[in-house]
Amino acid sequence: MSAVPEIAEMEHLFRVEATYNQLEETKRPQDVEEFKKAFEEKDKKANINWQSHSEYLNCMKDAGFAKAEIVWHLWIRSIFVALK
């Protein structure tokens, strides 16, 4: 997620809407707002930590890795590689 609050909110809404649209019409609520509320509750219960990529890279470096980099990124999925 972006460190810029407005962009982070846009990313969040895009993630909710994309997930909603991937569900079969018969298996999703009619109202997107109802789905959004349930989706956010599940995220909260799962204790999902949405941080920006730079925060993850800094955490790796703080943990003692000499080098850390994003080697692949697609929307909310990323692969990070770190070397001691």
N, C-alpha and C. Protein backbone atom coordinates (compact mmCIF):
# COMPACT_ATOMS: atom_id res chain seq x y z
N MET A 1 0.83 -1.18 0.00
CA MET A 1 0.00 0.00 0.00
C MET A 1 0.88 1.25 0.00
N SER A 2 0.36 2.26 -0.58
CA SER A 2 1.05 3.53 -0.64
C SER A 2 1.13 4.18 0.74
N ALA A 3 2.18 4.96 0.95
CA ALA A 3 2.30 5.72 2.19
C ALA A 3 1.46 7.00 2.12
N VAL A 4 0.98 7.35 0.94
CA VAL A 4 0.14 8.54 0.75
C VAL A 4 -1.30 8.13 1.05
N PRO A 5 -1.93 8.72 2.08
CA PRO A 5 -3.26 8.27 2.51
C PRO A 5 -4.31 8.22 1.40
N GLU A 6 -4.33 9.22 0.54
CA GLU A 6 -5.34 9.24 -0.53
C GLU A 6 -5.13 8.09 -1.51
N ILE A 7 -3.88 7.81 -1.82
CA ILE A 7 -3.58 6.71 -2.75
C ILE A 7 -3.84 5.37 -2.07
N ALA A 8 -3.50 5.26 -0.78
CA ALA A 8 -3.76 4.02 -0.04
C ALA A 8 -5.26 3.71 -0.02
N GLU A 9 -6.08 4.73 0.16
CA GLU A 9 -7.53 4.53 0.16
C GLU A 9 -8.01 4.07 -1.21
N MET A 10 -7.46 4.65 -2.29
CA MET A 10 -7.82 4.23 -3.64
C MET A 10 -7.41 2.77 -3.87
N GLU A 11 -6.22 2.39 -3.42
CA GLU A 11 -5.76 1.01 -3.56
C GLU A 11 -6.70 0.05 -2.81
N HIS A 12 -7.09 0.46 -1.61
CA HIS A 12 -7.99 -0.37 -0.80
C HIS A 12 -9.32 -0.57 -1.52
N LEU A 13 -9.91 0.51 -2.01
CA LEU A 13 -11.19 0.41 -2.71
C LEU A 13 -11.08 -0.44 -3.97
N PHE A 14 -9.97 -0.30 -4.68
CA PHE A 14 -9.76 -1.10 -5.88
C PHE A 14 -9.67 -2.59 -5.52
N ARG A 15 -8.98 -2.90 -4.43
CA ARG A 15 -8.84 -4.29 -3.99
C ARG A 15 -10.20 -4.88 -3.61
N VAL A 16 -11.02 -4.10 -2.91
CA VAL A 16 -12.36 -4.56 -2.52
C VAL A 16 -13.22 -4.79 -3.76
N GLU A 17 -13.23 -3.83 -4.65
CA GLU A 17 -14.06 -3.94 -5.85
C GLU A 17 -13.60 -5.07 -6.77
N ALA A 18 -12.28 -5.23 -6.90
CA ALA A 18 -11.76 -6.31 -7.75
C ALA A 18 -12.14 -7.67 -7.17
N THR A 19 -12.07 -7.82 -5.86
CA THR A 19 -12.45 -9.08 -5.22
C THR A 19 -13.94 -9.33 -5.41
N TYR A 20 -14.74 -8.30 -5.22
CA TYR A 20 -16.20 -8.40 -5.41
C TYR A 20 -16.52 -8.86 -6.83
N ASN A 21 -15.88 -8.27 -7.81
CA ASN A 21 -16.15 -8.59 -9.20
C ASN A 21 -15.69 -9.99 -9.59
N GLN A 22 -14.76 -10.57 -8.85
CA GLN A 22 -14.28 -11.92 -9.15
C GLN A 22 -15.25 -13.00 -8.65
N LEU A 23 -16.12 -12.64 -7.72
CA LEU A 23 -17.09 -13.60 -7.19
C LEU A 23 -18.20 -13.86 -8.21
N GLU A 24 -18.69 -15.08 -8.19
CA GLU A 24 -19.85 -15.39 -9.04
C GLU A 24 -21.03 -14.55 -8.57
N GLU A 25 -21.84 -14.08 -9.50
CA GLU A 25 -22.96 -13.21 -9.15
C GLU A 25 -23.89 -13.85 -8.13
N THR A 26 -24.05 -15.15 -8.18
CA THR A 26 -24.95 -15.84 -7.24
C THR A 26 -24.35 -15.97 -5.85
N LYS A 27 -23.04 -15.74 -5.71
CA LYS A 27 -22.37 -15.93 -4.43
C LYS A 27 -21.94 -14.61 -3.77
N ARG A 28 -22.34 -13.50 -4.33
CA ARG A 28 -21.95 -12.22 -3.74
C ARG A 28 -23.18 -11.41 -3.36
N PRO A 29 -23.04 -10.56 -2.34
CA PRO A 29 -24.16 -9.69 -1.96
C PRO A 29 -24.51 -8.75 -3.12
N GLN A 30 -25.76 -8.34 -3.17
CA GLN A 30 -26.19 -7.41 -4.22
C GLN A 30 -25.54 -6.05 -4.06
N ASP A 31 -25.30 -5.66 -2.82
CA ASP A 31 -24.78 -4.33 -2.53
C ASP A 31 -23.27 -4.38 -2.30
N VAL A 32 -22.52 -3.59 -3.06
CA VAL A 32 -21.06 -3.54 -2.92
C VAL A 32 -20.67 -3.04 -1.53
N GLU A 33 -21.42 -2.10 -0.99
CA GLU A 33 -21.10 -1.56 0.35
C GLU A 33 -21.24 -2.63 1.42
N GLU A 34 -22.23 -3.49 1.29
CA GLU A 34 -22.39 -4.61 2.23
C GLU A 34 -21.18 -5.54 2.15
N PHE A 35 -20.74 -5.82 0.93
CA PHE A 35 -19.56 -6.66 0.73
C PHE A 35 -18.31 -5.99 1.30
N LYS A 36 -18.17 -4.68 1.06
CA LYS A 36 -17.01 -3.92 1.55
C LYS A 36 -16.92 -4.01 3.07
N LYS A 37 -18.05 -3.86 3.74
CA LYS A 37 -18.08 -3.92 5.21
C LYS A 37 -17.62 -5.30 5.69
N ALA A 38 -18.15 -6.36 5.09
CA ALA A 38 -17.77 -7.72 5.48
C ALA A 38 -16.31 -7.99 5.16
N PHE A 39 -15.86 -7.50 4.03
CA PHE A 39 -14.47 -7.67 3.58
C PHE A 39 -13.51 -7.02 4.58
N GLU A 40 -13.83 -5.80 5.00
CA GLU A 40 -12.98 -5.07 5.94
C GLU A 40 -12.98 -5.75 7.31
N GLU A 41 -14.12 -6.31 7.71
CA GLU A 41 -14.18 -7.04 8.99
C GLU A 41 -13.26 -8.25 8.96
N LYS A 42 -13.27 -8.98 7.84
CA LYS A 42 -12.40 -10.16 7.71
C LYS A 42 -10.93 -9.75 7.73
N ASP A 43 -10.59 -8.66 7.05
CA ASP A 43 -9.22 -8.15 7.07
C ASP A 43 -8.80 -7.82 8.51
N LYS A 44 -9.70 -7.18 9.24
CA LYS A 44 -9.40 -6.77 10.61
C LYS A 44 -9.19 -7.99 11.49
N LYS A 45 -10.06 -8.98 11.36
CA LYS A 45 -9.94 -10.20 12.16
C LYS A 45 -8.69 -10.99 11.79
N ALA A 46 -8.30 -10.93 10.53
CA ALA A 46 -7.11 -11.66 10.08
C ALA A 46 -5.83 -10.92 10.45
N ASN A 47 -5.98 -9.69 10.97
CA ASN A 47 -4.84 -8.87 11.35
C ASN A 47 -3.89 -8.65 10.17
N ILE A 48 -4.48 -8.36 9.02
CA ILE A 48 -3.67 -8.12 7.83
C ILE A 48 -2.97 -6.78 7.96
N ASN A 49 -1.70 -6.77 7.68
CA ASN A 49 -0.87 -5.59 7.83
C ASN A 49 -0.53 -5.04 6.46
N TRP A 50 -1.27 -4.05 6.01
CA TRP A 50 -1.02 -3.46 4.70
C TRP A 50 -0.03 -2.31 4.85
N GLN A 51 1.20 -2.55 4.44
CA GLN A 51 2.24 -1.53 4.51
C GLN A 51 2.73 -1.24 3.09
N SER A 52 3.40 -0.12 2.95
CA SER A 52 3.97 0.20 1.65
C SER A 52 5.19 -0.69 1.41
N HIS A 53 5.57 -0.83 0.15
CA HIS A 53 6.73 -1.65 -0.19
C HIS A 53 8.00 -1.12 0.47
N SER A 54 8.12 0.19 0.55
CA SER A 54 9.32 0.76 1.17
C SER A 54 9.39 0.39 2.65
N GLU A 55 8.24 0.30 3.32
CA GLU A 55 8.24 -0.10 4.73
C GLU A 55 8.72 -1.55 4.88
N TYR A 56 8.28 -2.44 3.99
CA TYR A 56 8.75 -3.82 4.03
C TYR A 56 10.25 -3.90 3.77
N LEU A 57 10.72 -3.16 2.78
CA LEU A 57 12.16 -3.16 2.48
C LEU A 57 12.96 -2.63 3.66
N ASN A 58 12.49 -1.58 4.30
CA ASN A 58 13.17 -1.03 5.48
C ASN A 58 13.19 -2.04 6.62
N CYS A 59 12.11 -2.78 6.81
CA CYS A 59 12.06 -3.81 7.86
C CYS A 59 13.11 -4.89 7.60
N MET A 60 13.25 -5.28 6.34
CA MET A 60 14.26 -6.29 6.00
C MET A 60 15.67 -5.78 6.31
N LYS A 61 15.92 -4.54 5.95
CA LYS A 61 17.24 -3.96 6.22
C LYS A 61 17.46 -3.80 7.72
N ASP A 62 16.42 -3.41 8.46
CA ASP A 62 16.51 -3.30 9.92
C ASP A 62 16.76 -4.66 10.56
N ALA A 63 16.30 -5.74 9.91
CA ALA A 63 16.50 -7.09 10.44
C ALA A 63 17.91 -7.61 10.17
N GLY A 64 18.72 -6.82 9.46
CA GLY A 64 20.11 -7.21 9.26
C GLY A 64 20.47 -7.63 7.84
N PHE A 65 19.52 -7.57 6.93
CA PHE A 65 19.85 -7.91 5.55
C PHE A 65 20.60 -6.75 4.90
N ALA A 66 21.69 -7.07 4.21
CA ALA A 66 22.51 -6.03 3.59
C ALA A 66 21.83 -5.44 2.36
N LYS A 67 21.12 -6.28 1.64
CA LYS A 67 20.44 -5.84 0.42
C LYS A 67 19.03 -6.40 0.41
N ALA A 68 18.09 -5.60 -0.03
CA ALA A 68 16.69 -6.05 -0.15
C ALA A 68 16.08 -5.35 -1.36
N GLU A 69 15.28 -6.11 -2.11
CA GLU A 69 14.73 -5.55 -3.33
C GLU A 69 13.42 -6.25 -3.68
N ILE A 70 12.55 -5.55 -4.37
CA ILE A 70 11.34 -6.15 -4.93
C ILE A 70 11.73 -6.67 -6.30
N VAL A 71 11.57 -7.98 -6.51
CA VAL A 71 11.96 -8.55 -7.80
C VAL A 71 10.76 -8.81 -8.71
N TRP A 72 9.56 -8.77 -8.13
CA TRP A 72 8.35 -8.93 -8.92
C TRP A 72 7.20 -8.27 -8.18
N HIS A 73 6.38 -7.55 -8.91
CA HIS A 73 5.25 -6.87 -8.28
C HIS A 73 4.08 -6.83 -9.25
N LEU A 74 2.92 -7.27 -8.76
CA LEU A 74 1.70 -7.18 -9.53
C LEU A 74 0.59 -6.83 -8.56
N TRP A 75 0.16 -5.60 -8.58
CA TRP A 75 -0.90 -5.06 -7.75
C TRP A 75 -0.58 -5.27 -6.28
N ILE A 76 -1.22 -6.22 -5.58
CA ILE A 76 -0.95 -6.39 -4.15
C ILE A 76 -0.02 -7.57 -3.88
N ARG A 77 0.39 -8.27 -4.91
CA ARG A 77 1.29 -9.40 -4.73
C ARG A 77 2.69 -8.99 -5.15
N SER A 78 3.64 -9.28 -4.29
CA SER A 78 5.03 -8.93 -4.57
C SER A 78 5.95 -10.03 -4.07
N ILE A 79 7.10 -10.11 -4.70
CA ILE A 79 8.16 -11.01 -4.24
C ILE A 79 9.34 -10.14 -3.86
N PHE A 80 9.76 -10.29 -2.61
CA PHE A 80 10.91 -9.56 -2.08
C PHE A 80 12.06 -10.55 -1.94
N VAL A 81 13.27 -10.10 -2.24
CA VAL A 81 14.46 -10.91 -2.04
C VAL A 81 15.41 -10.09 -1.18
N ALA A 82 16.00 -10.77 -0.18
CA ALA A 82 16.95 -10.08 0.71
C ALA A 82 18.18 -10.96 0.88
N LEU A 83 19.33 -10.31 0.92
CA LEU A 83 20.61 -11.01 1.09
C LEU A 83 21.29 -10.54 2.35
N LYS A 84 21.87 -11.47 3.09
CA LYS A 84 22.61 -11.15 4.32
C LYS A 84 23.95 -10.58 3.97
